[in-house]
Amino acid sequence: MKQYNDRALTLMEVIVSLGLVTLITLLVGGVLSKMLFSSGKTAHQTAANLLAEELVESAVVVGPPTWGFPSSDRSTWTGDRILTLPGETKFTTFRYRLEELKARDSDQDLGTFHLLKVTVWWWSEEPTSAIERGKLSVEAHRKVYVRR
């Protein structure tokens, strides 16, 4: 009677191990693709945050009533900036809007408090969210006290 070598792999063991290797490879590939997409989204959010802070700072320097925009008409306090982010070949248009949310006189009548809000968004005409991409806008707020 002939004895079989116990160290040899059966066809079923080979198929199961190849299936496990394939499954693990697909999972790792999926995680890596999500990480790459996430880094691109983070780059856009970082650029939008920096732009929002820059716009708030320049508005504070100019001050009321126009906050650095050519007109005192609040509906025109919008604009856009075209940027090419590092690692990208195409440009992205970042749109922004400045709003003066509230203004009130100080209790001692020495000046006025203003609350400014800058909203910056990309990939759409208005600030929005996308299910697969998350929030596609950022906001920056600043409280400003203007002395008389």
Protein backbone atom coordinates (compact mmCIF):
# COMPACT_ATOMS: atom_id res chain seq x y z
CA MET A 1 0.00 0.00 0.00
CA LYS A 2 1.25 3.44 -1.00
CA GLN A 3 1.39 6.29 1.56
CA TYR A 4 0.71 9.90 0.67
CA ASN A 5 2.90 12.79 1.74
CA ASP A 6 1.03 14.76 4.46
CA ARG A 7 2.96 17.95 3.65
CA ALA A 8 1.50 18.40 0.16
CA LEU A 9 -1.38 20.88 -0.37
CA THR A 10 -4.64 19.78 -1.81
CA LEU A 11 -6.30 21.65 -4.65
CA MET A 12 -8.96 22.94 -2.23
CA GLU A 13 -6.35 24.48 0.09
CA VAL A 14 -4.69 26.24 -2.84
CA ILE A 15 -8.02 27.67 -4.05
CA VAL A 16 -8.96 28.88 -0.55
CA SER A 17 -5.57 30.55 -0.03
CA LEU A 18 -5.75 32.27 -3.44
CA GLY A 19 -9.24 33.51 -2.58
CA LEU A 20 -8.01 34.96 0.72
CA VAL A 21 -5.08 36.69 -0.99
CA THR A 22 -7.46 38.17 -3.60
CA LEU A 23 -9.88 39.39 -0.93
CA ILE A 24 -7.11 41.02 1.10
CA THR A 25 -5.70 42.69 -2.02
CA LEU A 26 -9.11 44.13 -2.92
CA LEU A 27 -9.65 45.46 0.60
CA VAL A 28 -6.24 47.12 0.72
CA GLY A 29 -6.80 48.64 -2.73
CA GLY A 30 -10.16 50.05 -1.62
CA VAL A 31 -8.67 51.60 1.50
CA LEU A 32 -5.83 53.15 -0.49
CA SER A 33 -8.21 54.66 -3.06
CA LYS A 34 -10.32 56.19 -0.26
CA MET A 35 -7.18 57.65 1.31
CA LEU A 36 -6.14 59.24 -2.00
CA PHE A 37 -9.59 60.77 -2.50
CA SER A 38 -9.59 62.00 1.09
CA SER A 39 -6.22 63.73 0.65
CA GLY A 40 -7.58 65.56 -2.40
CA LYS A 41 -10.62 66.70 -0.42
CA THR A 42 -8.37 67.85 2.41
CA ALA A 43 -6.29 69.92 -0.02
CA HIS A 44 -9.42 71.73 -1.20
CA GLN A 45 -10.60 72.35 2.36
CA THR A 46 -7.20 73.69 3.38
CA ALA A 47 -7.05 76.05 0.39
CA ALA A 48 -10.61 77.23 1.10
CA ASN A 49 -9.82 77.83 4.79
CA LEU A 50 -6.73 79.88 3.90
CA LEU A 51 -8.70 81.90 1.35
CA ALA A 52 -11.51 82.53 3.85
CA GLU A 53 -9.04 83.77 6.48
CA GLU A 54 -7.33 86.01 3.91
CA LEU A 55 -10.68 87.53 2.88
CA VAL A 56 -11.74 88.15 6.47
CA GLU A 57 -8.42 89.80 7.27
CA SER A 58 -8.56 92.09 4.24
CA ALA A 59 -12.17 93.04 5.05
CA VAL A 60 -11.21 93.91 8.62
CA VAL A 61 -8.35 96.10 7.42
CA VAL A 62 -10.64 98.13 5.11
CA GLY A 63 -13.56 98.21 7.53
CA PRO A 64 -17.17 99.28 7.13
CA PRO A 65 -19.32 100.15 5.27
CA THR A 66 -18.03 98.25 2.18
CA TRP A 67 -15.47 95.92 3.85
CA GLY A 68 -13.22 96.18 0.78
CA PHE A 69 -15.82 95.52 -1.91
CA PRO A 70 -16.41 98.15 -4.61
CA SER A 71 -20.03 98.78 -3.62
CA SER A 72 -22.02 99.03 -0.42
CA ASP A 73 -24.67 96.79 -2.04
CA ARG A 74 -24.45 93.63 0.08
CA SER A 75 -25.64 91.37 -2.73
CA THR A 76 -22.39 92.09 -4.61
CA TRP A 77 -20.08 91.05 -1.80
CA THR A 78 -19.15 87.92 -3.74
CA GLY A 79 -16.30 86.85 -5.94
CA ASP A 80 -14.18 83.96 -7.07
CA ARG A 81 -10.57 82.95 -7.08
CA ILE A 82 -9.04 80.41 -9.46
CA LEU A 83 -6.30 78.27 -7.91
CA THR A 84 -4.24 75.30 -9.02
CA LEU A 85 -3.49 73.16 -5.99
CA PRO A 86 -0.20 71.30 -5.56
CA GLY A 87 -0.23 67.93 -7.27
CA GLU A 88 -3.14 68.86 -9.55
CA THR A 89 -3.02 69.73 -13.23
CA LYS A 90 -6.46 71.39 -13.47
CA PHE A 91 -7.49 74.56 -11.72
CA THR A 92 -10.29 74.83 -9.16
CA THR A 93 -12.62 77.81 -8.92
CA PHE A 94 -13.26 78.85 -5.33
CA ARG A 95 -16.29 81.11 -4.90
CA TYR A 96 -16.79 83.29 -1.85
CA ARG A 97 -19.38 85.50 -0.18
CA LEU A 98 -18.94 88.02 2.65
CA GLU A 99 -21.85 88.70 4.97
CA GLU A 100 -22.19 91.19 7.80
CA LEU A 101 -24.43 89.24 10.15
CA LYS A 102 -25.09 91.80 12.85
CA ALA A 103 -23.90 95.16 13.99
CA ARG A 104 -24.75 96.88 17.23
CA ASP A 105 -23.53 99.89 19.10
CA SER A 106 -21.48 99.35 22.21
CA ASP A 107 -23.06 100.02 25.59
CA GLN A 108 -20.78 103.01 26.23
CA ASP A 109 -21.40 104.42 22.70
CA LEU A 110 -17.74 104.20 21.81
CA GLY A 111 -18.10 102.23 18.60
CA THR A 112 -19.89 99.42 16.79
CA PHE A 113 -19.64 95.63 16.97
CA HIS A 114 -19.78 93.77 13.65
CA LEU A 115 -19.90 90.04 12.96
CA LEU A 116 -18.43 89.08 9.59
CA LYS A 117 -18.88 85.71 7.93
CA VAL A 118 -17.02 84.56 4.82
CA THR A 119 -18.22 81.41 3.06
CA VAL A 120 -15.93 79.76 0.50
CA TRP A 121 -17.09 76.87 -1.68
CA TRP A 122 -15.90 74.91 -4.72
CA TRP A 123 -17.28 72.56 -7.42
CA SER A 124 -20.74 74.19 -7.45
CA GLU A 125 -22.53 77.49 -7.90
CA GLU A 126 -23.73 77.62 -4.27
CA PRO A 127 -22.41 76.13 -1.01
CA THR A 128 -23.53 72.52 -0.87
CA SER A 129 -22.75 69.03 0.35
CA ALA A 130 -22.38 65.85 -1.65
CA ILE A 131 -23.08 62.45 -0.15
CA GLU A 132 -19.93 60.90 -1.56
CA ARG A 133 -17.75 64.00 -1.05
CA GLY A 134 -18.99 65.56 2.17
CA LYS A 135 -19.23 69.29 2.80
CA LEU A 136 -17.88 71.34 -0.09
CA SER A 137 -17.67 74.68 1.71
CA VAL A 138 -15.97 76.32 4.67
CA GLU A 139 -16.78 79.37 6.77
CA ALA A 140 -14.71 81.89 8.66
CA HIS A 141 -16.20 84.24 11.27
CA ARG A 142 -14.73 87.34 12.81
CA LYS A 143 -16.04 89.74 15.42
CA VAL A 144 -14.91 93.28 14.69
CA TYR A 145 -15.13 96.31 16.91
CA VAL A 146 -14.91 99.64 15.09
CA ARG A 147 -14.25 102.70 17.25
CA ARG A 148 -15.90 105.98 16.43
